[in-house]
Amino acid sequence: MGYPTKVQLICRKESQQWYINLPKPVADAMDFVKGEVVEWTIEDRQHLVLKRRVVPSLPVARKRPSR
């Protein structure tokens, strides 16, 4: 399932800033953290790829001792 998202434009006196918000379910699934740096890559006019500069390691699953 995809997550439709609107592209927003903020117009200031001397500049424009474009925003694409990441839906919470997507951010949660990717384990993003506040302030994380990502990089956009344009594949073609239909595909914009978001890449992490640093990929966090997966948490190590702890085994519970059997009783």
N, C-alpha and C. Protein backbone atom coordinates (compact mmCIF):
# COMPACT_ATOMS: atom_id res chain seq x y z
N MET A 1 0.84 -1.17 0.00
CA MET A 1 0.00 0.00 0.00
C MET A 1 0.89 1.24 0.00
N GLY A 2 0.53 2.21 -0.79
CA GLY A 2 1.27 3.46 -0.83
C GLY A 2 0.67 4.48 0.12
N TYR A 3 1.38 5.59 0.30
CA TYR A 3 0.92 6.67 1.16
C TYR A 3 0.92 7.96 0.36
N PRO A 4 -0.25 8.36 -0.20
CA PRO A 4 -0.30 9.61 -0.96
C PRO A 4 0.12 10.79 -0.09
N THR A 5 0.95 11.65 -0.66
CA THR A 5 1.48 12.80 0.07
C THR A 5 1.49 14.01 -0.86
N LYS A 6 1.04 15.14 -0.39
CA LYS A 6 1.05 16.37 -1.19
C LYS A 6 2.41 17.04 -1.13
N VAL A 7 2.83 17.60 -2.24
CA VAL A 7 4.03 18.42 -2.29
C VAL A 7 3.60 19.84 -1.92
N GLN A 8 4.33 20.44 -0.97
CA GLN A 8 3.96 21.77 -0.50
C GLN A 8 5.01 22.79 -0.93
N LEU A 9 4.59 24.01 -1.17
CA LEU A 9 5.49 25.10 -1.56
C LEU A 9 5.31 26.25 -0.58
N ILE A 10 6.40 26.70 -0.01
CA ILE A 10 6.41 27.86 0.87
C ILE A 10 7.15 28.97 0.12
N CYS A 11 6.43 30.06 -0.17
CA CYS A 11 7.03 31.20 -0.88
C CYS A 11 7.43 32.27 0.13
N ARG A 12 8.70 32.63 0.08
CA ARG A 12 9.22 33.69 0.95
C ARG A 12 9.60 34.87 0.06
N LYS A 13 10.04 35.96 0.66
CA LYS A 13 10.34 37.15 -0.12
C LYS A 13 11.33 36.88 -1.25
N GLU A 14 12.41 36.18 -0.94
CA GLU A 14 13.46 35.99 -1.94
C GLU A 14 13.73 34.53 -2.30
N SER A 15 12.90 33.63 -1.83
CA SER A 15 13.16 32.22 -2.13
C SER A 15 11.88 31.40 -2.06
N GLN A 16 11.99 30.18 -2.53
CA GLN A 16 10.91 29.21 -2.44
C GLN A 16 11.48 27.96 -1.78
N GLN A 17 10.68 27.31 -0.97
CA GLN A 17 11.09 26.07 -0.32
C GLN A 17 10.01 25.03 -0.57
N TRP A 18 10.41 23.89 -1.11
CA TRP A 18 9.49 22.80 -1.38
C TRP A 18 9.60 21.77 -0.28
N TYR A 19 8.46 21.20 0.13
CA TYR A 19 8.43 20.23 1.21
C TYR A 19 7.67 18.99 0.79
N ILE A 20 8.17 17.84 1.20
CA ILE A 20 7.44 16.58 1.07
C ILE A 20 7.51 15.94 2.45
N ASN A 21 6.37 15.79 3.09
CA ASN A 21 6.33 15.21 4.42
C ASN A 21 6.32 13.69 4.34
N LEU A 22 7.01 13.07 5.26
CA LEU A 22 7.07 11.62 5.33
C LEU A 22 5.98 11.15 6.30
N PRO A 23 5.04 10.33 5.83
CA PRO A 23 3.98 9.86 6.72
C PRO A 23 4.57 9.05 7.89
N LYS A 24 3.95 9.16 9.05
CA LYS A 24 4.44 8.48 10.25
C LYS A 24 4.61 6.98 10.07
N PRO A 25 3.67 6.26 9.43
CA PRO A 25 3.87 4.81 9.26
C PRO A 25 5.15 4.48 8.47
N VAL A 26 5.48 5.32 7.50
CA VAL A 26 6.71 5.09 6.72
C VAL A 26 7.93 5.36 7.59
N ALA A 27 7.92 6.47 8.32
CA ALA A 27 9.05 6.81 9.20
C ALA A 27 9.23 5.74 10.27
N ASP A 28 8.14 5.25 10.82
CA ASP A 28 8.23 4.19 11.84
C ASP A 28 8.81 2.91 11.25
N ALA A 29 8.36 2.54 10.06
CA ALA A 29 8.84 1.31 9.43
C ALA A 29 10.33 1.39 9.11
N MET A 30 10.81 2.59 8.83
CA MET A 30 12.23 2.78 8.50
C MET A 30 13.09 3.10 9.72
N ASP A 31 12.47 3.25 10.88
CA ASP A 31 13.18 3.61 12.12
C ASP A 31 13.97 4.90 11.98
N PHE A 32 13.37 5.90 11.33
CA PHE A 32 14.03 7.21 11.23
C PHE A 32 14.08 7.87 12.60
N VAL A 33 15.11 8.69 12.80
CA VAL A 33 15.22 9.44 14.04
C VAL A 33 15.28 10.93 13.70
N LYS A 34 14.87 11.75 14.66
CA LYS A 34 14.86 13.19 14.47
C LYS A 34 16.27 13.68 14.13
N GLY A 35 16.37 14.50 13.10
CA GLY A 35 17.65 15.09 12.71
C GLY A 35 18.49 14.22 11.80
N GLU A 36 17.99 13.04 11.44
CA GLU A 36 18.75 12.15 10.55
C GLU A 36 18.92 12.80 9.18
N VAL A 37 20.10 12.65 8.60
CA VAL A 37 20.39 13.23 7.29
C VAL A 37 20.14 12.17 6.21
N VAL A 38 19.37 12.55 5.20
CA VAL A 38 19.09 11.69 4.05
C VAL A 38 19.43 12.43 2.77
N GLU A 39 19.46 11.71 1.68
CA GLU A 39 19.86 12.30 0.40
C GLU A 39 18.86 11.89 -0.69
N TRP A 40 18.42 12.87 -1.46
CA TRP A 40 17.51 12.61 -2.58
C TRP A 40 18.31 12.35 -3.85
N THR A 41 17.89 11.36 -4.63
CA THR A 41 18.48 11.07 -5.93
C THR A 41 17.35 11.03 -6.95
N ILE A 42 17.53 11.71 -8.06
CA ILE A 42 16.53 11.71 -9.13
C ILE A 42 16.88 10.59 -10.10
N GLU A 43 16.03 9.57 -10.14
CA GLU A 43 16.24 8.44 -11.06
C GLU A 43 15.73 8.82 -12.45
N ASP A 44 14.54 9.38 -12.51
CA ASP A 44 13.94 9.90 -13.74
C ASP A 44 12.78 10.79 -13.30
N ARG A 45 11.97 11.25 -14.23
CA ARG A 45 10.89 12.19 -13.88
C ARG A 45 9.77 11.55 -13.07
N GLN A 46 9.81 10.23 -12.93
CA GLN A 46 8.77 9.54 -12.16
C GLN A 46 9.29 9.00 -10.82
N HIS A 47 10.60 8.89 -10.67
CA HIS A 47 11.15 8.25 -9.47
C HIS A 47 12.17 9.15 -8.76
N LEU A 48 11.83 9.48 -7.54
CA LEU A 48 12.69 10.25 -6.66
C LEU A 48 13.04 9.32 -5.49
N VAL A 49 14.33 9.02 -5.33
CA VAL A 49 14.76 8.02 -4.35
C VAL A 49 15.36 8.71 -3.14
N LEU A 50 14.92 8.32 -1.97
CA LEU A 50 15.45 8.84 -0.72
C LEU A 50 16.41 7.81 -0.16
N LYS A 51 17.67 8.23 0.07
CA LYS A 51 18.69 7.31 0.58
C LYS A 51 19.24 7.82 1.89
N ARG A 52 19.53 6.88 2.77
CA ARG A 52 20.20 7.21 4.03
C ARG A 52 21.69 7.34 3.78
N ARG A 53 22.31 8.32 4.41
CA ARG A 53 23.76 8.43 4.34
C ARG A 53 24.41 7.38 5.24
N VAL A 54 23.79 7.16 6.41
CA VAL A 54 24.27 6.16 7.36
C VAL A 54 23.10 5.25 7.69
N VAL A 55 23.28 3.95 7.48
CA VAL A 55 22.22 2.99 7.76
C VAL A 55 22.46 2.42 9.15
N PRO A 56 21.50 2.61 10.07
CA PRO A 56 21.69 2.07 11.41
C PRO A 56 21.66 0.54 11.39
N SER A 57 22.42 -0.06 12.28
CA SER A 57 22.42 -1.52 12.34
C SER A 57 21.10 -1.99 12.94
N LEU A 58 20.75 -3.21 12.60
CA LEU A 58 19.52 -3.79 13.14
C LEU A 58 19.75 -4.13 14.61
N PRO A 59 18.75 -3.95 15.44
CA PRO A 59 18.91 -4.31 16.85
C PRO A 59 19.10 -5.82 16.97
N VAL A 60 19.94 -6.22 17.90
CA VAL A 60 20.18 -7.64 18.12
C VAL A 60 19.05 -8.21 18.94
N ALA A 61 18.45 -9.27 18.44
CA ALA A 61 17.34 -9.91 19.16
C ALA A 61 17.91 -10.70 20.34
N ARG A 62 17.37 -10.48 21.52
CA ARG A 62 17.80 -11.22 22.70
C ARG A 62 16.96 -12.47 22.85
N LYS A 63 17.64 -13.54 23.17
CA LYS A 63 16.92 -14.78 23.44
C LYS A 63 16.62 -14.84 24.93
N ARG A 64 15.40 -15.14 25.27
CA ARG A 64 15.01 -15.26 26.67
C ARG A 64 15.39 -16.67 27.14
N PRO A 65 15.95 -16.74 28.31
CA PRO A 65 16.27 -18.10 28.82
C PRO A 65 14.98 -18.88 29.08
N SER A 66 15.01 -20.15 28.70
CA SER A 66 13.82 -20.98 28.91
C SER A 66 13.73 -21.38 30.38
N ARG A 67 12.54 -21.47 30.87
CA ARG A 67 12.34 -21.80 32.30
C ARG A 67 11.71 -23.13 32.45
